[in-house]
Amino acid sequence: METITISSKFQVVIPKKARKDLELKAGQKMVAIEKGNSIELVKIENIKKARGIAKGVNLKGLRDHNERFD
């Protein structure tokens, strides 16, 4: 765990190891989520990377047919 310092402009530098491990790039967007006394930074992924993530999933039996509105 590395210590970071908040600048006078409230900027922080993400440690090099974290940037490398998470494959962060300059200009990449992130979301700041407050959790109690901490802030979690979550990188925003391109939705196209999720294509095929559910390939082969069997949807049978996940929902009762009586719950449908059609």
PDB file of N, CA and C in Angstrom:
ATOM      1  N   MET A   1       0.850  -1.171   0.000  1.00  0.00           N
ATOM      2  CA  MET A   1       0.000   0.000   0.000  1.00  0.00           C
ATOM      3  C   MET A   1       0.895   1.234   0.000  1.00  0.00           C
ATOM      4  N   GLU A   2       0.614   2.141  -0.901  1.00  0.00           N
ATOM      5  CA  GLU A   2       1.389   3.370  -1.003  1.00  0.00           C
ATOM      6  C   GLU A   2       0.570   4.552  -0.496  1.00  0.00           C
ATOM      7  N   THR A   3       1.259   5.503   0.110  1.00  0.00           N
ATOM      8  CA  THR A   3       0.611   6.717   0.590  1.00  0.00           C
ATOM      9  C   THR A   3       0.624   7.749  -0.529  1.00  0.00           C
ATOM     10  N   ILE A   4      -0.494   8.439  -0.707  1.00  0.00           N
ATOM     11  CA  ILE A   4      -0.563   9.507  -1.706  1.00  0.00           C
ATOM     12  C   ILE A   4      -0.871  10.817  -0.987  1.00  0.00           C
ATOM     13  N   THR A   5      -0.571  11.922  -1.646  1.00  0.00           N
ATOM     14  CA  THR A   5      -0.798  13.243  -1.076  1.00  0.00           C
ATOM     15  C   THR A   5      -1.775  14.001  -1.954  1.00  0.00           C
ATOM     16  N   ILE A   6      -2.696  14.700  -1.331  1.00  0.00           N
ATOM     17  CA  ILE A   6      -3.648  15.535  -2.065  1.00  0.00           C
ATOM     18  C   ILE A   6      -3.000  16.890  -2.290  1.00  0.00           C
ATOM     19  N   SER A   7      -2.976  17.353  -3.550  1.00  0.00           N
ATOM     20  CA  SER A   7      -2.366  18.642  -3.870  1.00  0.00           C
ATOM     21  C   SER A   7      -3.294  19.786  -3.465  1.00  0.00           C
ATOM     22  N   SER A   8      -2.798  21.007  -3.575  1.00  0.00           N
ATOM     23  CA  SER A   8      -3.606  22.178  -3.237  1.00  0.00           C
ATOM     24  C   SER A   8      -4.820  22.313  -4.164  1.00  0.00           C
ATOM     25  N   LYS A   9      -4.764  21.653  -5.327  1.00  0.00           N
ATOM     26  CA  LYS A   9      -5.889  21.650  -6.273  1.00  0.00           C
ATOM     27  C   LYS A   9      -6.746  20.396  -6.111  1.00  0.00           C
ATOM     28  N   PHE A  10      -6.529  19.664  -4.996  1.00  0.00           N
ATOM     29  CA  PHE A  10      -7.251  18.429  -4.691  1.00  0.00           C
ATOM     30  C   PHE A  10      -7.023  17.341  -5.736  1.00  0.00           C
ATOM     31  N   GLN A  11      -5.832  17.298  -6.300  1.00  0.00           N
ATOM     32  CA  GLN A  11      -5.459  16.261  -7.247  1.00  0.00           C
ATOM     33  C   GLN A  11      -4.599  15.222  -6.539  1.00  0.00           C
ATOM     34  N   VAL A  12      -4.676  13.984  -7.013  1.00  0.00           N
ATOM     35  CA  VAL A  12      -3.837  12.913  -6.488  1.00  0.00           C
ATOM     36  C   VAL A  12      -3.180  12.190  -7.656  1.00  0.00           C
ATOM     37  N   VAL A  13      -2.048  11.552  -7.382  1.00  0.00           N
ATOM     38  CA  VAL A  13      -1.370  10.744  -8.390  1.00  0.00           C
ATOM     39  C   VAL A  13      -1.595   9.284  -8.030  1.00  0.00           C
ATOM     40  N   ILE A  14      -2.103   8.523  -8.992  1.00  0.00           N
ATOM     41  CA  ILE A  14      -2.312   7.097  -8.787  1.00  0.00           C
ATOM     42  C   ILE A  14      -0.943   6.427  -8.900  1.00  0.00           C
ATOM     43  N   PRO A  15      -0.553   5.635  -7.898  1.00  0.00           N
ATOM     44  CA  PRO A  15       0.766   5.003  -7.933  1.00  0.00           C
ATOM     45  C   PRO A  15       1.002   4.194  -9.209  1.00  0.00           C
ATOM     46  N   LYS A  16       2.264   4.179  -9.655  1.00  0.00           N
ATOM     47  CA  LYS A  16       2.633   3.533 -10.915  1.00  0.00           C
ATOM     48  C   LYS A  16       2.219   2.062 -10.962  1.00  0.00           C
ATOM     49  N   LYS A  17       2.433   1.334  -9.871  1.00  0.00           N
ATOM     50  CA  LYS A  17       2.069  -0.088  -9.844  1.00  0.00           C
ATOM     51  C   LYS A  17       0.566  -0.263 -10.072  1.00  0.00           C
ATOM     52  N   ALA A  18      -0.255   0.560  -9.439  1.00  0.00           N
ATOM     53  CA  ALA A  18      -1.708   0.474  -9.616  1.00  0.00           C
ATOM     54  C   ALA A  18      -2.090   0.821 -11.051  1.00  0.00           C
ATOM     55  N   ARG A  19      -1.461   1.852 -11.611  1.00  0.00           N
ATOM     56  CA  ARG A  19      -1.746   2.220 -13.015  1.00  0.00           C
ATOM     57  C   ARG A  19      -1.426   1.066 -13.949  1.00  0.00           C
ATOM     58  N   LYS A  20      -0.297   0.417 -13.700  1.00  0.00           N
ATOM     59  CA  LYS A  20       0.120  -0.705 -14.546  1.00  0.00           C
ATOM     60  C   LYS A  20      -0.802  -1.902 -14.365  1.00  0.00           C
ATOM     61  N   ASP A  21      -1.055  -2.278 -13.112  1.00  0.00           N
ATOM     62  CA  ASP A  21      -1.898  -3.443 -12.823  1.00  0.00           C
ATOM     63  C   ASP A  21      -3.308  -3.287 -13.370  1.00  0.00           C
ATOM     64  N   LEU A  22      -3.854  -2.067 -13.304  1.00  0.00           N
ATOM     65  CA  LEU A  22      -5.223  -1.814 -13.758  1.00  0.00           C
ATOM     66  C   LEU A  22      -5.293  -1.363 -15.213  1.00  0.00           C
ATOM     67  N   GLU A  23      -4.123  -1.263 -15.852  1.00  0.00           N
ATOM     68  CA  GLU A  23      -4.027  -0.842 -17.257  1.00  0.00           C
ATOM     69  C   GLU A  23      -4.714   0.506 -17.482  1.00  0.00           C
ATOM     70  N   LEU A  24      -4.434   1.464 -16.595  1.00  0.00           N
ATOM     71  CA  LEU A  24      -5.010   2.803 -16.722  1.00  0.00           C
ATOM     72  C   LEU A  24      -4.231   3.608 -17.754  1.00  0.00           C
ATOM     73  N   LYS A  25      -4.925   4.452 -18.477  1.00  0.00           N
ATOM     74  CA  LYS A  25      -4.322   5.311 -19.503  1.00  0.00           C
ATOM     75  C   LYS A  25      -4.622   6.763 -19.190  1.00  0.00           C
ATOM     76  N   ALA A  26      -3.758   7.649 -19.631  1.00  0.00           N
ATOM     77  CA  ALA A  26      -3.979   9.082 -19.448  1.00  0.00           C
ATOM     78  C   ALA A  26      -5.282   9.491 -20.133  1.00  0.00           C
ATOM     79  N   GLY A  27      -6.096  10.278 -19.464  1.00  0.00           N
ATOM     80  CA  GLY A  27      -7.365  10.740 -20.019  1.00  0.00           C
ATOM     81  C   GLY A  27      -8.519   9.781 -19.795  1.00  0.00           C
ATOM     82  N   GLN A  28      -8.241   8.613 -19.248  1.00  0.00           N
ATOM     83  CA  GLN A  28      -9.306   7.635 -19.013  1.00  0.00           C
ATOM     84  C   GLN A  28     -10.252   8.152 -17.933  1.00  0.00           C
ATOM     85  N   LYS A  29     -11.526   7.898 -18.084  1.00  0.00           N
ATOM     86  CA  LYS A  29     -12.541   8.342 -17.136  1.00  0.00           C
ATOM     87  C   LYS A  29     -12.701   7.324 -16.009  1.00  0.00           C
ATOM     88  N   MET A  30     -12.945   7.852 -14.813  1.00  0.00           N
ATOM     89  CA  MET A  30     -13.198   7.017 -13.642  1.00  0.00           C
ATOM     90  C   MET A  30     -14.356   7.621 -12.875  1.00  0.00           C
ATOM     91  N   VAL A  31     -14.976   6.797 -12.038  1.00  0.00           N
ATOM     92  CA  VAL A  31     -16.068   7.245 -11.177  1.00  0.00           C
ATOM     93  C   VAL A  31     -15.556   7.202  -9.741  1.00  0.00           C
ATOM     94  N   ALA A  32     -15.829   8.266  -8.976  1.00  0.00           N
ATOM     95  CA  ALA A  32     -15.464   8.319  -7.564  1.00  0.00           C
ATOM     96  C   ALA A  32     -16.697   7.971  -6.737  1.00  0.00           C
ATOM     97  N   ILE A  33     -16.595   6.910  -5.943  1.00  0.00           N
ATOM     98  CA  ILE A  33     -17.709   6.450  -5.122  1.00  0.00           C
ATOM     99  C   ILE A  33     -17.316   6.598  -3.657  1.00  0.00           C
ATOM    100  N   GLU A  34     -18.131   7.344  -2.904  1.00  0.00           N
ATOM    101  CA  GLU A  34     -17.879   7.524  -1.478  1.00  0.00           C
ATOM    102  C   GLU A  34     -18.419   6.319  -0.717  1.00  0.00           C
ATOM    103  N   LYS A  35     -17.589   5.756   0.145  1.00  0.00           N
ATOM    104  CA  LYS A  35     -17.992   4.622   0.985  1.00  0.00           C
ATOM    105  C   LYS A  35     -17.490   4.897   2.392  1.00  0.00           C
ATOM    106  N   GLY A  36     -18.380   5.392   3.240  1.00  0.00           N
ATOM    107  CA  GLY A  36     -17.976   5.719   4.607  1.00  0.00           C
ATOM    108  C   GLY A  36     -16.918   6.801   4.610  1.00  0.00           C
ATOM    109  N   ASN A  37     -15.753   6.485   5.164  1.00  0.00           N
ATOM    110  CA  ASN A  37     -14.646   7.443   5.215  1.00  0.00           C
ATOM    111  C   ASN A  37     -13.640   7.237   4.095  1.00  0.00           C
ATOM    112  N   SER A  38     -14.037   6.575   3.027  1.00  0.00           N
ATOM    113  CA  SER A  38     -13.104   6.323   1.928  1.00  0.00           C
ATOM    114  C   SER A  38     -13.732   6.678   0.586  1.00  0.00           C
ATOM    115  N   ILE A  39     -12.875   6.754  -0.413  1.00  0.00           N
ATOM    116  CA  ILE A  39     -13.312   7.015  -1.788  1.00  0.00           C
ATOM    117  C   ILE A  39     -12.780   5.881  -2.642  1.00  0.00           C
ATOM    118  N   GLU A  40     -13.656   5.271  -3.420  1.00  0.00           N
ATOM    119  CA  GLU A  40     -13.254   4.198  -4.321  1.00  0.00           C
ATOM    120  C   GLU A  40     -13.295   4.737  -5.745  1.00  0.00           C
ATOM    121  N   LEU A  41     -12.194   4.595  -6.467  1.00  0.00           N
ATOM    122  CA  LEU A  41     -12.139   5.006  -7.865  1.00  0.00           C
ATOM    123  C   LEU A  41     -12.360   3.780  -8.737  1.00  0.00           C
ATOM    124  N   VAL A  42     -13.345   3.848  -9.614  1.00  0.00           N
ATOM    125  CA  VAL A  42     -13.687   2.722 -10.474  1.00  0.00           C
ATOM    126  C   VAL A  42     -13.543   3.174 -11.921  1.00  0.00           C
ATOM    127  N   LYS A  43     -12.711   2.448 -12.678  1.00  0.00           N
ATOM    128  CA  LYS A  43     -12.530   2.856 -14.076  1.00  0.00           C
ATOM    129  C   LYS A  43     -13.763   2.489 -14.887  1.00  0.00           C
ATOM    130  N   ILE A  44     -14.087   3.345 -15.818  1.00  0.00           N
ATOM    131  CA  ILE A  44     -15.237   3.135 -16.689  1.00  0.00           C
ATOM    132  C   ILE A  44     -14.763   2.339 -17.894  1.00  0.00           C
ATOM    133  N   GLU A  45     -15.331   1.170 -18.063  1.00  0.00           N
ATOM    134  CA  GLU A  45     -14.953   0.302 -19.175  1.00  0.00           C
ATOM    135  C   GLU A  45     -15.827   0.590 -20.392  1.00  0.00           C
ATOM    136  N   ASN A  46     -15.290   0.345 -21.534  1.00  0.00           N
ATOM    137  CA  ASN A  46     -16.040   0.464 -22.781  1.00  0.00           C
ATOM    138  C   ASN A  46     -17.057  -0.670 -22.824  1.00  0.00           C
ATOM    139  N   ILE A  47     -18.313  -0.358 -23.068  1.00  0.00           N
ATOM    140  CA  ILE A  47     -19.386  -1.356 -23.073  1.00  0.00           C
ATOM    141  C   ILE A  47     -19.145  -2.433 -24.127  1.00  0.00           C
ATOM    142  N   LYS A  48     -18.404  -2.101 -25.178  1.00  0.00           N
ATOM    143  CA  LYS A  48     -18.131  -3.084 -26.224  1.00  0.00           C
ATOM    144  C   LYS A  48     -17.275  -4.240 -25.702  1.00  0.00           C
ATOM    145  N   LYS A  49     -16.508  -4.010 -24.613  1.00  0.00           N
ATOM    146  CA  LYS A  49     -15.696  -5.078 -24.035  1.00  0.00           C
ATOM    147  C   LYS A  49     -16.558  -6.149 -23.388  1.00  0.00           C
ATOM    148  N   ALA A  50     -17.800  -5.819 -23.048  1.00  0.00           N
ATOM    149  CA  ALA A  50     -18.691  -6.763 -22.388  1.00  0.00           C
ATOM    150  C   ALA A  50     -19.384  -7.698 -23.374  1.00  0.00           C
ATOM    151  N   ARG A  51     -19.222  -7.453 -24.664  1.00  0.00           N
ATOM    152  CA  ARG A  51     -19.887  -8.281 -25.667  1.00  0.00           C
ATOM    153  C   ARG A  51     -19.491  -9.746 -25.502  1.00  0.00           C
ATOM    154  N   GLY A  52     -20.480 -10.612 -25.444  1.00  0.00           N
ATOM    155  CA  GLY A  52     -20.250 -12.043 -25.333  1.00  0.00           C
ATOM    156  C   GLY A  52     -20.024 -12.532 -23.914  1.00  0.00           C
ATOM    157  N   ILE A  53     -20.151 -11.653 -22.945  1.00  0.00           N
ATOM    158  CA  ILE A  53     -19.869 -12.020 -21.557  1.00  0.00           C
ATOM    159  C   ILE A  53     -20.839 -13.089 -21.042  1.00  0.00           C
ATOM    160  N   ALA A  54     -22.046 -13.125 -21.575  1.00  0.00           N
ATOM    161  CA  ALA A  54     -23.048 -14.088 -21.102  1.00  0.00           C
ATOM    162  C   ALA A  54     -23.266 -15.222 -22.098  1.00  0.00           C
ATOM    163  N   LYS A  55     -22.334 -15.416 -23.000  1.00  0.00           N
ATOM    164  CA  LYS A  55     -22.475 -16.456 -24.012  1.00  0.00           C
ATOM    165  C   LYS A  55     -22.607 -17.820 -23.344  1.00  0.00           C
ATOM    166  N   GLY A  56     -23.612 -18.576 -23.749  1.00  0.00           N
ATOM    167  CA  GLY A  56     -23.810 -19.918 -23.226  1.00  0.00           C
ATOM    168  C   GLY A  56     -24.614 -19.994 -21.939  1.00  0.00           C
ATOM    169  N   VAL A  57     -25.096 -18.874 -21.446  1.00  0.00           N
ATOM    170  CA  VAL A  57     -25.883 -18.871 -20.222  1.00  0.00           C
ATOM    171  C   VAL A  57     -27.268 -19.442 -20.507  1.00  0.00           C
ATOM    172  N   ASN A  58     -27.726 -20.361 -19.664  1.00  0.00           N
ATOM    173  CA  ASN A  58     -29.044 -20.961 -19.811  1.00  0.00           C
ATOM    174  C   ASN A  58     -30.041 -20.130 -19.012  1.00  0.00           C
ATOM    175  N   LEU A  59     -30.991 -19.513 -19.679  1.00  0.00           N
ATOM    176  CA  LEU A  59     -31.966 -18.644 -19.031  1.00  0.00           C
ATOM    177  C   LEU A  59     -33.228 -19.387 -18.597  1.00  0.00           C
ATOM    178  N   LYS A  60     -33.331 -20.669 -18.915  1.00  0.00           N
ATOM    179  CA  LYS A  60     -34.518 -21.430 -18.541  1.00  0.00           C
ATOM    180  C   LYS A  60     -34.639 -21.543 -17.040  1.00  0.00           C
ATOM    181  N   GLY A  61     -35.842 -21.356 -16.532  1.00  0.00           N
ATOM    182  CA  GLY A  61     -36.097 -21.527 -15.119  1.00  0.00           C
ATOM    183  C   GLY A  61     -35.698 -20.345 -14.245  1.00  0.00           C
ATOM    184  N   LEU A  62     -35.217 -19.269 -14.841  1.00  0.00           N
ATOM    185  CA  LEU A  62     -34.826 -18.110 -14.047  1.00  0.00           C
ATOM    186  C   LEU A  62     -36.008 -17.238 -13.667  1.00  0.00           C
ATOM    187  N   ARG A  63     -37.088 -17.339 -14.404  1.00  0.00           N
ATOM    188  CA  ARG A  63     -38.238 -16.477 -14.159  1.00  0.00           C
ATOM    189  C   ARG A  63     -39.518 -17.277 -14.362  1.00  0.00           C
ATOM    190  N   ASP A  64     -40.423 -17.135 -13.452  1.00  0.00           N
ATOM    191  CA  ASP A  64     -41.706 -17.812 -13.555  1.00  0.00           C
ATOM    192  C   ASP A  64     -42.510 -17.190 -14.686  1.00  0.00           C
ATOM    193  N   HIS A  65     -43.082 -18.004 -15.539  1.00  0.00           N
ATOM    194  CA  HIS A  65     -43.874 -17.482 -16.663  1.00  0.00           C
ATOM    195  C   HIS A  65     -45.088 -16.689 -16.199  1.00  0.00           C
ATOM    196  N   ASN A  66     -45.604 -16.964 -15.002  1.00  0.00           N
ATOM    197  CA  ASN A  66     -46.762 -16.233 -14.491  1.00  0.00           C
ATOM    198  C   ASN A  66     -46.421 -14.782 -14.128  1.00  0.00           C
ATOM    199  N   GLU A  67     -45.144 -14.455 -13.961  1.00  0.00           N
ATOM    200  CA  GLU A  67     -44.724 -13.098 -13.611  1.00  0.00           C
ATOM    201  C   GLU A  67     -44.660 -12.175 -14.822  1.00  0.00           C
ATOM    202  N   ARG A  68     -44.754 -12.725 -15.986  1.00  0.00           N
ATOM    203  CA  ARG A  68     -44.638 -11.921 -17.202  1.00  0.00           C
ATOM    204  C   ARG A  68     -45.910 -11.139 -17.449  1.00  0.00           C
ATOM    205  N   PHE A  69     -45.753  -9.981 -18.039  1.00  0.00           N
ATOM    206  CA  PHE A  69     -46.884  -9.096 -18.301  1.00  0.00           C
ATOM    207  C   PHE A  69     -47.422  -9.208 -19.715  1.00  0.00           C
ATOM    208  N   ASP A  70     -46.837 -10.070 -20.535  1.00  0.00           N
ATOM    209  CA  ASP A  70     -47.301 -10.143 -21.931  1.00  0.00           C
ATOM    210  C   ASP A  70     -48.377 -11.155 -22.147  1.00  0.00           C
TER     211      ASP A  70
END
